[in-house]
Amino acid sequence: MAELRWTAEALAWLEDIDRYIAADNPPAAAKVVDGIVAKAELAAEFPDIGTRLRVVPEGEVRMLLYGHYRIAYLRRGDAAIVEILGVFHGALDINRYLP
């Protein structure tokens, strides 16, 4: 299993999602955040599970889906580290935010 890391930006996205949903439905917000975290943990367990978006010098940028959200992560070259780069709503153009 790879080491799972979250960038500060990814954590900020996750907090924004939590706040937005919790304003109307706190239990739903907790469920969504827990689901996103579980998907990120799945990426750490199986680093190649996500769809490959591009190859970068550090490794591969990959994506997993959870509901209306896309979880972008960097699978480092040797797959020992999976770094969550961001959590994006499906309506966003994630290419504007990724390396």
PDB file of N, CA and C in Angstrom:
ATOM      1  N   MET A   1       0.842  -1.185   0.000  1.00  0.00           N
ATOM      2  CA  MET A   1       0.000   0.000   0.000  1.00  0.00           C
ATOM      3  C   MET A   1       0.883   1.243   0.000  1.00  0.00           C
ATOM      4  N   ALA A   2       0.528   2.185  -0.841  1.00  0.00           N
ATOM      5  CA  ALA A   2       1.285   3.428  -0.945  1.00  0.00           C
ATOM      6  C   ALA A   2       0.969   4.352   0.231  1.00  0.00           C
ATOM      7  N   GLU A   3       1.903   5.228   0.515  1.00  0.00           N
ATOM      8  CA  GLU A   3       1.653   6.269   1.513  1.00  0.00           C
ATOM      9  C   GLU A   3       0.701   7.293   0.899  1.00  0.00           C
ATOM     10  N   LEU A   4      -0.333   7.656   1.634  1.00  0.00           N
ATOM     11  CA  LEU A   4      -1.317   8.626   1.155  1.00  0.00           C
ATOM     12  C   LEU A   4      -0.993   9.998   1.721  1.00  0.00           C
ATOM     13  N   ARG A   5      -0.867  10.972   0.824  1.00  0.00           N
ATOM     14  CA  ARG A   5      -0.628  12.357   1.228  1.00  0.00           C
ATOM     15  C   ARG A   5      -1.690  13.245   0.583  1.00  0.00           C
ATOM     16  N   TRP A   6      -2.025  14.316   1.274  1.00  0.00           N
ATOM     17  CA  TRP A   6      -2.970  15.311   0.755  1.00  0.00           C
ATOM     18  C   TRP A   6      -2.235  16.638   0.633  1.00  0.00           C
ATOM     19  N   THR A   7      -2.346  17.301  -0.505  1.00  0.00           N
ATOM     20  CA  THR A   7      -1.787  18.643  -0.618  1.00  0.00           C
ATOM     21  C   THR A   7      -2.671  19.603   0.180  1.00  0.00           C
ATOM     22  N   ALA A   8      -2.107  20.741   0.536  1.00  0.00           N
ATOM     23  CA  ALA A   8      -2.890  21.758   1.252  1.00  0.00           C
ATOM     24  C   ALA A   8      -4.073  22.200   0.394  1.00  0.00           C
ATOM     25  N   GLU A   9      -3.859  22.291  -0.908  1.00  0.00           N
ATOM     26  CA  GLU A   9      -4.940  22.700  -1.811  1.00  0.00           C
ATOM     27  C   GLU A   9      -6.063  21.658  -1.830  1.00  0.00           C
ATOM     28  N   ALA A  10      -5.707  20.386  -1.844  1.00  0.00           N
ATOM     29  CA  ALA A  10      -6.728  19.328  -1.838  1.00  0.00           C
ATOM     30  C   ALA A  10      -7.537  19.367  -0.549  1.00  0.00           C
ATOM     31  N   LEU A  11      -6.868  19.588   0.571  1.00  0.00           N
ATOM     32  CA  LEU A  11      -7.583  19.688   1.848  1.00  0.00           C
ATOM     33  C   LEU A  11      -8.510  20.903   1.863  1.00  0.00           C
ATOM     34  N   ALA A  12      -8.060  21.992   1.252  1.00  0.00           N
ATOM     35  CA  ALA A  12      -8.909  23.188   1.177  1.00  0.00           C
ATOM     36  C   ALA A  12     -10.156  22.913   0.334  1.00  0.00           C
ATOM     37  N   TRP A  13      -9.999  22.213  -0.794  1.00  0.00           N
ATOM     38  CA  TRP A  13     -11.154  21.837  -1.621  1.00  0.00           C
ATOM     39  C   TRP A  13     -12.123  20.984  -0.802  1.00  0.00           C
ATOM     40  N   LEU A  14     -11.584  20.011  -0.077  1.00  0.00           N
ATOM     41  CA  LEU A  14     -12.424  19.109   0.713  1.00  0.00           C
ATOM     42  C   LEU A  14     -13.186  19.885   1.791  1.00  0.00           C
ATOM     43  N   GLU A  15     -12.515  20.813   2.447  1.00  0.00           N
ATOM     44  CA  GLU A  15     -13.178  21.641   3.463  1.00  0.00           C
ATOM     45  C   GLU A  15     -14.273  22.509   2.844  1.00  0.00           C
ATOM     46  N   ASP A  16     -14.009  23.044   1.656  1.00  0.00           N
ATOM     47  CA  ASP A  16     -15.025  23.856   0.967  1.00  0.00           C
ATOM     48  C   ASP A  16     -16.258  23.024   0.622  1.00  0.00           C
ATOM     49  N   ILE A  17     -16.042  21.809   0.151  1.00  0.00           N
ATOM     50  CA  ILE A  17     -17.155  20.905  -0.167  1.00  0.00           C
ATOM     51  C   ILE A  17     -17.955  20.621   1.093  1.00  0.00           C
ATOM     52  N   ASP A  18     -17.253  20.333   2.174  1.00  0.00           N
ATOM     53  CA  ASP A  18     -17.916  20.040   3.447  1.00  0.00           C
ATOM     54  C   ASP A  18     -18.765  21.226   3.908  1.00  0.00           C
ATOM     55  N   ARG A  19     -18.193  22.421   3.897  1.00  0.00           N
ATOM     56  CA  ARG A  19     -18.926  23.617   4.332  1.00  0.00           C
ATOM     57  C   ARG A  19     -20.152  23.881   3.465  1.00  0.00           C
ATOM     58  N   TYR A  20     -19.986  23.743   2.164  1.00  0.00           N
ATOM     59  CA  TYR A  20     -21.079  24.025   1.234  1.00  0.00           C
ATOM     60  C   TYR A  20     -22.262  23.085   1.474  1.00  0.00           C
ATOM     61  N   ILE A  21     -21.992  21.790   1.570  1.00  0.00           N
ATOM     62  CA  ILE A  21     -23.073  20.822   1.768  1.00  0.00           C
ATOM     63  C   ILE A  21     -23.642  20.937   3.181  1.00  0.00           C
ATOM     64  N   ALA A  22     -22.772  21.134   4.167  1.00  0.00           N
ATOM     65  CA  ALA A  22     -23.211  21.196   5.571  1.00  0.00           C
ATOM     66  C   ALA A  22     -24.132  22.377   5.842  1.00  0.00           C
ATOM     67  N   ALA A  23     -24.049  23.414   5.038  1.00  0.00           N
ATOM     68  CA  ALA A  23     -24.932  24.568   5.230  1.00  0.00           C
ATOM     69  C   ALA A  23     -26.398  24.155   5.129  1.00  0.00           C
ATOM     70  N   ASP A  24     -26.684  23.143   4.323  1.00  0.00           N
ATOM     71  CA  ASP A  24     -28.057  22.652   4.161  1.00  0.00           C
ATOM     72  C   ASP A  24     -28.306  21.314   4.847  1.00  0.00           C
ATOM     73  N   ASN A  25     -27.260  20.467   4.903  1.00  0.00           N
ATOM     74  CA  ASN A  25     -27.472  19.109   5.379  1.00  0.00           C
ATOM     75  C   ASN A  25     -26.176  18.538   5.970  1.00  0.00           C
ATOM     76  N   PRO A  26     -25.896  18.790   7.256  1.00  0.00           N
ATOM     77  CA  PRO A  26     -24.655  18.309   7.862  1.00  0.00           C
ATOM     78  C   PRO A  26     -24.433  16.796   7.745  1.00  0.00           C
ATOM     79  N   PRO A  27     -25.453  15.950   7.941  1.00  0.00           N
ATOM     80  CA  PRO A  27     -25.197  14.509   7.781  1.00  0.00           C
ATOM     81  C   PRO A  27     -24.776  14.136   6.349  1.00  0.00           C
ATOM     82  N   ALA A  28     -25.362  14.789   5.363  1.00  0.00           N
ATOM     83  CA  ALA A  28     -24.976  14.518   3.974  1.00  0.00           C
ATOM     84  C   ALA A  28     -23.539  14.963   3.725  1.00  0.00           C
ATOM     85  N   ALA A  29     -23.146  16.085   4.308  1.00  0.00           N
ATOM     86  CA  ALA A  29     -21.777  16.575   4.152  1.00  0.00           C
ATOM     87  C   ALA A  29     -20.787  15.569   4.717  1.00  0.00           C
ATOM     88  N   ALA A  30     -21.079  15.044   5.893  1.00  0.00           N
ATOM     89  CA  ALA A  30     -20.197  14.046   6.509  1.00  0.00           C
ATOM     90  C   ALA A  30     -20.099  12.804   5.632  1.00  0.00           C
ATOM     91  N   LYS A  31     -21.216  12.389   5.060  1.00  0.00           N
ATOM     92  CA  LYS A  31     -21.230  11.200   4.202  1.00  0.00           C
ATOM     93  C   LYS A  31     -20.389  11.419   2.947  1.00  0.00           C
ATOM     94  N   VAL A  32     -20.520  12.586   2.331  1.00  0.00           N
ATOM     95  CA  VAL A  32     -19.753  12.884   1.123  1.00  0.00           C
ATOM     96  C   VAL A  32     -18.262  12.943   1.438  1.00  0.00           C
ATOM     97  N   VAL A  33     -17.892  13.646   2.487  1.00  0.00           N
ATOM     98  CA  VAL A  33     -16.475  13.755   2.848  1.00  0.00           C
ATOM     99  C   VAL A  33     -15.905  12.381   3.186  1.00  0.00           C
ATOM    100  N   ASP A  34     -16.639  11.583   3.953  1.00  0.00           N
ATOM    101  CA  ASP A  34     -16.176  10.226   4.274  1.00  0.00           C
ATOM    102  C   ASP A  34     -15.994   9.395   3.006  1.00  0.00           C
ATOM    103  N   GLY A  35     -16.906   9.540   2.053  1.00  0.00           N
ATOM    104  CA  GLY A  35     -16.801   8.801   0.799  1.00  0.00           C
ATOM    105  C   GLY A  35     -15.598   9.213  -0.024  1.00  0.00           C
ATOM    106  N   ILE A  36     -15.321  10.503  -0.059  1.00  0.00           N
ATOM    107  CA  ILE A  36     -14.159  11.000  -0.791  1.00  0.00           C
ATOM    108  C   ILE A  36     -12.876  10.484  -0.151  1.00  0.00           C
ATOM    109  N   VAL A  37     -12.807  10.532   1.166  1.00  0.00           N
ATOM    110  CA  VAL A  37     -11.619  10.039   1.873  1.00  0.00           C
ATOM    111  C   VAL A  37     -11.445   8.540   1.623  1.00  0.00           C
ATOM    112  N   ALA A  38     -12.532   7.789   1.634  1.00  0.00           N
ATOM    113  CA  ALA A  38     -12.457   6.343   1.376  1.00  0.00           C
ATOM    114  C   ALA A  38     -11.932   6.070  -0.035  1.00  0.00           C
ATOM    115  N   LYS A  39     -12.363   6.855  -1.010  1.00  0.00           N
ATOM    116  CA  LYS A  39     -11.865   6.691  -2.383  1.00  0.00           C
ATOM    117  C   LYS A  39     -10.379   7.010  -2.458  1.00  0.00           C
ATOM    118  N   ALA A  40      -9.946   8.045  -1.729  1.00  0.00           N
ATOM    119  CA  ALA A  40      -8.525   8.389  -1.701  1.00  0.00           C
ATOM    120  C   ALA A  40      -7.719   7.246  -1.091  1.00  0.00           C
ATOM    121  N   GLU A  41      -8.248   6.639  -0.047  1.00  0.00           N
ATOM    122  CA  GLU A  41      -7.573   5.497   0.572  1.00  0.00           C
ATOM    123  C   GLU A  41      -7.508   4.310  -0.387  1.00  0.00           C
ATOM    124  N   LEU A  42      -8.528   4.147  -1.214  1.00  0.00           N
ATOM    125  CA  LEU A  42      -8.520   3.093  -2.227  1.00  0.00           C
ATOM    126  C   LEU A  42      -7.398   3.336  -3.236  1.00  0.00           C
ATOM    127  N   ALA A  43      -7.182   4.596  -3.597  1.00  0.00           N
ATOM    128  CA  ALA A  43      -6.089   4.935  -4.513  1.00  0.00           C
ATOM    129  C   ALA A  43      -4.739   4.605  -3.892  1.00  0.00           C
ATOM    130  N   ALA A  44      -4.610   4.780  -2.581  1.00  0.00           N
ATOM    131  CA  ALA A  44      -3.359   4.427  -1.913  1.00  0.00           C
ATOM    132  C   ALA A  44      -3.159   2.912  -1.905  1.00  0.00           C
ATOM    133  N   GLU A  45      -4.250   2.185  -1.777  1.00  0.00           N
ATOM    134  CA  GLU A  45      -4.164   0.723  -1.772  1.00  0.00           C
ATOM    135  C   GLU A  45      -3.892   0.172  -3.172  1.00  0.00           C
ATOM    136  N   PHE A  46      -4.490   0.799  -4.179  1.00  0.00           N
ATOM    137  CA  PHE A  46      -4.332   0.375  -5.572  1.00  0.00           C
ATOM    138  C   PHE A  46      -3.993   1.602  -6.426  1.00  0.00           C
ATOM    139  N   PRO A  47      -2.722   2.032  -6.446  1.00  0.00           N
ATOM    140  CA  PRO A  47      -2.348   3.294  -7.094  1.00  0.00           C
ATOM    141  C   PRO A  47      -2.710   3.412  -8.576  1.00  0.00           C
ATOM    142  N   ASP A  48      -2.865   2.297  -9.267  1.00  0.00           N
ATOM    143  CA  ASP A  48      -3.181   2.348 -10.695  1.00  0.00           C
ATOM    144  C   ASP A  48      -4.678   2.326 -10.983  1.00  0.00           C
ATOM    145  N   ILE A  49      -5.516   2.377  -9.959  1.00  0.00           N
ATOM    146  CA  ILE A  49      -6.960   2.221 -10.142  1.00  0.00           C
ATOM    147  C   ILE A  49      -7.601   3.364 -10.926  1.00  0.00           C
ATOM    148  N   GLY A  50      -7.097   4.552 -10.785  1.00  0.00           N
ATOM    149  CA  GLY A  50      -7.713   5.704 -11.443  1.00  0.00           C
ATOM    150  C   GLY A  50      -7.368   5.806 -12.920  1.00  0.00           C
ATOM    151  N   THR A  51      -8.151   6.578 -13.628  1.00  0.00           N
ATOM    152  CA  THR A  51      -7.900   6.848 -15.044  1.00  0.00           C
ATOM    153  C   THR A  51      -6.691   7.769 -15.166  1.00  0.00           C
ATOM    154  N   ARG A  52      -5.751   7.392 -16.023  1.00  0.00           N
ATOM    155  CA  ARG A  52      -4.559   8.227 -16.203  1.00  0.00           C
ATOM    156  C   ARG A  52      -4.918   9.441 -17.054  1.00  0.00           C
ATOM    157  N   LEU A  53      -4.640  10.627 -16.513  1.00  0.00           N
ATOM    158  CA  LEU A  53      -4.899  11.873 -17.235  1.00  0.00           C
ATOM    159  C   LEU A  53      -3.686  12.327 -18.025  1.00  0.00           C
ATOM    160  N   ARG A  54      -2.520  12.213 -17.396  1.00  0.00           N
ATOM    161  CA  ARG A  54      -1.289  12.638 -18.062  1.00  0.00           C
ATOM    162  C   ARG A  54      -0.079  12.112 -17.303  1.00  0.00           C
ATOM    163  N   VAL A  55       1.040  12.114 -18.004  1.00  0.00           N
ATOM    164  CA  VAL A  55       2.316  11.745 -17.401  1.00  0.00           C
ATOM    165  C   VAL A  55       3.088  13.036 -17.162  1.00  0.00           C
ATOM    166  N   VAL A  56       3.629  13.174 -15.951  1.00  0.00           N
ATOM    167  CA  VAL A  56       4.437  14.331 -15.580  1.00  0.00           C
ATOM    168  C   VAL A  56       5.780  13.810 -15.080  1.00  0.00           C
ATOM    169  N   PRO A  57       6.790  14.656 -14.956  1.00  0.00           N
ATOM    170  CA  PRO A  57       8.098  14.170 -14.510  1.00  0.00           C
ATOM    171  C   PRO A  57       8.061  13.391 -13.186  1.00  0.00           C
ATOM    172  N   GLU A  58       7.145  13.757 -12.280  1.00  0.00           N
ATOM    173  CA  GLU A  58       7.077  13.095 -10.973  1.00  0.00           C
ATOM    174  C   GLU A  58       6.347  11.760 -11.017  1.00  0.00           C
ATOM    175  N   GLY A  59       5.598  11.500 -12.086  1.00  0.00           N
ATOM    176  CA  GLY A  59       4.825  10.259 -12.173  1.00  0.00           C
ATOM    177  C   GLY A  59       3.612  10.437 -13.076  1.00  0.00           C
ATOM    178  N   GLU A  60       2.472   9.936 -12.621  1.00  0.00           N
ATOM    179  CA  GLU A  60       1.239  10.022 -13.405  1.00  0.00           C
ATOM    180  C   GLU A  60       0.154  10.743 -12.621  1.00  0.00           C
ATOM    181  N   VAL A  61      -0.539  11.652 -13.285  1.00  0.00           N
ATOM    182  CA  VAL A  61      -1.714  12.282 -12.692  1.00  0.00           C
ATOM    183  C   VAL A  61      -2.896  11.406 -13.084  1.00  0.00           C
ATOM    184  N   ARG A  62      -3.635  10.950 -12.070  1.00  0.00           N
ATOM    185  CA  ARG A  62      -4.762  10.044 -12.275  1.00  0.00           C
ATOM    186  C   ARG A  62      -6.010  10.616 -11.621  1.00  0.00           C
ATOM    187  N   MET A  63      -7.165  10.033 -11.963  1.00  0.00           N
ATOM    188  CA  MET A  63      -8.422  10.543 -11.439  1.00  0.00           C
ATOM    189  C   MET A  63      -9.350   9.396 -11.072  1.00  0.00           C
ATOM    190  N   LEU A  64     -10.030   9.578  -9.932  1.00  0.00           N
ATOM    191  CA  LEU A  64     -11.097   8.679  -9.492  1.00  0.00           C
ATOM    192  C   LEU A  64     -12.380   9.476  -9.368  1.00  0.00           C
ATOM    193  N   LEU A  65     -13.494   8.807  -9.546  1.00  0.00           N
ATOM    194  CA  LEU A  65     -14.793   9.458  -9.399  1.00  0.00           C
ATOM    195  C   LEU A  65     -15.450   9.053  -8.089  1.00  0.00           C
ATOM    196  N   TYR A  66     -16.123  10.028  -7.483  1.00  0.00           N
ATOM    197  CA  TYR A  66     -16.990   9.748  -6.338  1.00  0.00           C
ATOM    198  C   TYR A  66     -18.209  10.650  -6.474  1.00  0.00           C
ATOM    199  N   GLY A  67     -19.329  10.075  -6.830  1.00  0.00           N
ATOM    200  CA  GLY A  67     -20.535  10.879  -7.031  1.00  0.00           C
ATOM    201  C   GLY A  67     -20.295  11.953  -8.076  1.00  0.00           C
ATOM    202  N   HIS A  68     -20.560  13.197  -7.715  1.00  0.00           N
ATOM    203  CA  HIS A  68     -20.367  14.320  -8.636  1.00  0.00           C
ATOM    204  C   HIS A  68     -18.948  14.878  -8.571  1.00  0.00           C
ATOM    205  N   TYR A  69     -18.067  14.225  -7.850  1.00  0.00           N
ATOM    206  CA  TYR A  69     -16.725  14.755  -7.616  1.00  0.00           C
ATOM    207  C   TYR A  69     -15.657  13.913  -8.295  1.00  0.00           C
ATOM    208  N   ARG A  70     -14.574  14.599  -8.670  1.00  0.00           N
ATOM    209  CA  ARG A  70     -13.408  13.938  -9.246  1.00  0.00           C
ATOM    210  C   ARG A  70     -12.237  14.162  -8.298  1.00  0.00           C
ATOM    211  N   ILE A  71     -11.565  13.097  -7.990  1.00  0.00           N
ATOM    212  CA  ILE A  71     -10.416  13.136  -7.092  1.00  0.00           C
ATOM    213  C   ILE A  71      -9.174  12.968  -7.960  1.00  0.00           C
ATOM    214  N   ALA A  72      -8.368  14.012  -8.047  1.00  0.00           N
ATOM    215  CA  ALA A  72      -7.146  13.961  -8.841  1.00  0.00           C
ATOM    216  C   ALA A  72      -5.983  13.639  -7.915  1.00  0.00           C
ATOM    217  N   TYR A  73      -5.143  12.707  -8.355  1.00  0.00           N
ATOM    218  CA  TYR A  73      -3.996  12.348  -7.531  1.00  0.00           C
ATOM    219  C   TYR A  73      -2.764  12.094  -8.384  1.00  0.00           C
ATOM    220  N   LEU A  74      -1.617  12.243  -7.745  1.00  0.00           N
ATOM    221  CA  LEU A  74      -0.336  11.974  -8.381  1.00  0.00           C
ATOM    222  C   LEU A  74       0.152  10.625  -7.888  1.00  0.00           C
ATOM    223  N   ARG A  75       0.314   9.709  -8.821  1.00  0.00           N
ATOM    224  CA  ARG A  75       0.913   8.410  -8.513  1.00  0.00           C
ATOM    225  C   ARG A  75       2.389   8.577  -8.828  1.00  0.00           C
ATOM    226  N   ARG A  76       3.185   8.653  -7.787  1.00  0.00           N
ATOM    227  CA  ARG A  76       4.624   8.861  -7.978  1.00  0.00           C
ATOM    228  C   ARG A  76       5.215   7.667  -8.720  1.00  0.00           C
ATOM    229  N   GLY A  77       6.323   7.876  -9.385  1.00  0.00           N
ATOM    230  CA  GLY A  77       6.920   6.887 -10.275  1.00  0.00           C
ATOM    231  C   GLY A  77       6.973   5.465  -9.765  1.00  0.00           C
ATOM    232  N   ASP A  78       7.376   5.276  -8.517  1.00  0.00           N
ATOM    233  CA  ASP A  78       7.492   3.913  -7.985  1.00  0.00           C
ATOM    234  C   ASP A  78       6.226   3.465  -7.262  1.00  0.00           C
ATOM    235  N   ALA A  79       5.192   4.274  -7.286  1.00  0.00           N
ATOM    236  CA  ALA A  79       3.887   3.992  -6.658  1.00  0.00           C
ATOM    237  C   ALA A  79       3.976   3.836  -5.145  1.00  0.00           C
ATOM    238  N   ALA A  80       5.060   4.323  -4.526  1.00  0.00           N
ATOM    239  CA  ALA A  80       5.175   4.265  -3.071  1.00  0.00           C
ATOM    240  C   ALA A  80       4.398   5.401  -2.411  1.00  0.00           C
ATOM    241  N   ILE A  81       4.104   6.442  -3.190  1.00  0.00           N
ATOM    242  CA  ILE A  81       3.377   7.601  -2.661  1.00  0.00           C
ATOM    243  C   ILE A  81       2.238   7.958  -3.614  1.00  0.00           C
ATOM    244  N   VAL A  82       1.063   8.171  -3.042  1.00  0.00           N
ATOM    245  CA  VAL A  82      -0.089   8.699  -3.767  1.00  0.00           C
ATOM    246  C   VAL A  82      -0.426  10.026  -3.102  1.00  0.00           C
ATOM    247  N   GLU A  83      -0.396  11.091  -3.891  1.00  0.00           N
ATOM    248  CA  GLU A  83      -0.635  12.431  -3.362  1.00  0.00           C
ATOM    249  C   GLU A  83      -1.923  12.995  -3.958  1.00  0.00           C
ATOM    250  N   ILE A  84      -2.894  13.277  -3.108  1.00  0.00           N
ATOM    251  CA  ILE A  84      -4.154  13.845  -3.570  1.00  0.00           C
ATOM    252  C   ILE A  84      -3.908  15.309  -3.928  1.00  0.00           C
ATOM    253  N   LEU A  85      -4.180  15.646  -5.180  1.00  0.00           N
ATOM    254  CA  LEU A  85      -3.928  16.994  -5.682  1.00  0.00           C
ATOM    255  C   LEU A  85      -5.133  17.911  -5.545  1.00  0.00           C
ATOM    256  N   GLY A  86      -6.327  17.332  -5.637  1.00  0.00           N
ATOM    257  CA  GLY A  86      -7.528  18.145  -5.544  1.00  0.00           C
ATOM    258  C   GLY A  86      -8.778  17.292  -5.628  1.00  0.00           C
ATOM    259  N   VAL A  87      -9.875  17.858  -5.147  1.00  0.00           N
ATOM    260  CA  VAL A  87     -11.197  17.228  -5.233  1.00  0.00           C
ATOM    261  C   VAL A  87     -12.089  18.251  -5.914  1.00  0.00           C
ATOM    262  N   PHE A  88     -12.593  17.903  -7.088  1.00  0.00           N
ATOM    263  CA  PHE A  88     -13.268  18.868  -7.943  1.00  0.00           C
ATOM    264  C   PHE A  88     -14.684  18.422  -8.272  1.00  0.00           C
ATOM    265  N   HIS A  89     -15.595  19.368  -8.278  1.00  0.00           N
ATOM    266  CA  HIS A  89     -16.947  19.066  -8.742  1.00  0.00           C
ATOM    267  C   HIS A  89     -16.871  18.758 -10.236  1.00  0.00           C
ATOM    268  N   GLY A  90     -17.706  17.855 -10.681  1.00  0.00           N
ATOM    269  CA  GLY A  90     -17.690  17.429 -12.074  1.00  0.00           C
ATOM    270  C   GLY A  90     -17.895  18.540 -13.083  1.00  0.00           C
ATOM    271  N   ALA A  91     -18.511  19.647 -12.678  1.00  0.00           N
ATOM    272  CA  ALA A  91     -18.756  20.760 -13.599  1.00  0.00           C
ATOM    273  C   ALA A  91     -17.503  21.595 -13.861  1.00  0.00           C
ATOM    274  N   LEU A  92     -16.474  21.440 -13.038  1.00  0.00           N
ATOM    275  CA  LEU A  92     -15.256  22.240 -13.198  1.00  0.00           C
ATOM    276  C   LEU A  92     -14.329  21.640 -14.247  1.00  0.00           C
ATOM    277  N   ASP A  93     -13.591  22.489 -14.922  1.00  0.00           N
ATOM    278  CA  ASP A  93     -12.545  22.054 -15.841  1.00  0.00           C
ATOM    279  C   ASP A  93     -11.285  21.832 -15.009  1.00  0.00           C
ATOM    280  N   ILE A  94     -11.034  20.579 -14.648  1.00  0.00           N
ATOM    281  CA  ILE A  94      -9.920  20.314 -13.735  1.00  0.00           C
ATOM    282  C   ILE A  94      -8.568  20.602 -14.357  1.00  0.00           C
ATOM    283  N   ASN A  95      -8.482  20.647 -15.673  1.00  0.00           N
ATOM    284  CA  ASN A  95      -7.203  20.938 -16.314  1.00  0.00           C
ATOM    285  C   ASN A  95      -6.683  22.321 -15.941  1.00  0.00           C
ATOM    286  N   ARG A  96      -7.569  23.206 -15.522  1.00  0.00           N
ATOM    287  CA  ARG A  96      -7.137  24.538 -15.086  1.00  0.00           C
ATOM    288  C   ARG A  96      -6.401  24.479 -13.749  1.00  0.00           C
ATOM    289  N   TYR A  97      -6.574  23.397 -13.000  1.00  0.00           N
ATOM    290  CA  TYR A  97      -6.051  23.313 -11.641  1.00  0.00           C
ATOM    291  C   TYR A  97      -4.923  22.296 -11.470  1.00  0.00           C
ATOM    292  N   LEU A  98      -4.670  21.491 -12.483  1.00  0.00           N
ATOM    293  CA  LEU A  98      -3.690  20.414 -12.348  1.00  0.00           C
ATOM    294  C   LEU A  98      -2.403  20.716 -13.094  1.00  0.00           C
ATOM    295  N   PRO A  99      -1.309  20.084 -12.627  1.00  0.00           N
ATOM    296  CA  PRO A  99      -0.027  20.274 -13.328  1.00  0.00           C
ATOM    297  C   PRO A  99      -0.050  19.636 -14.707  1.00  0.00           C
TER     298      PRO A  99
END
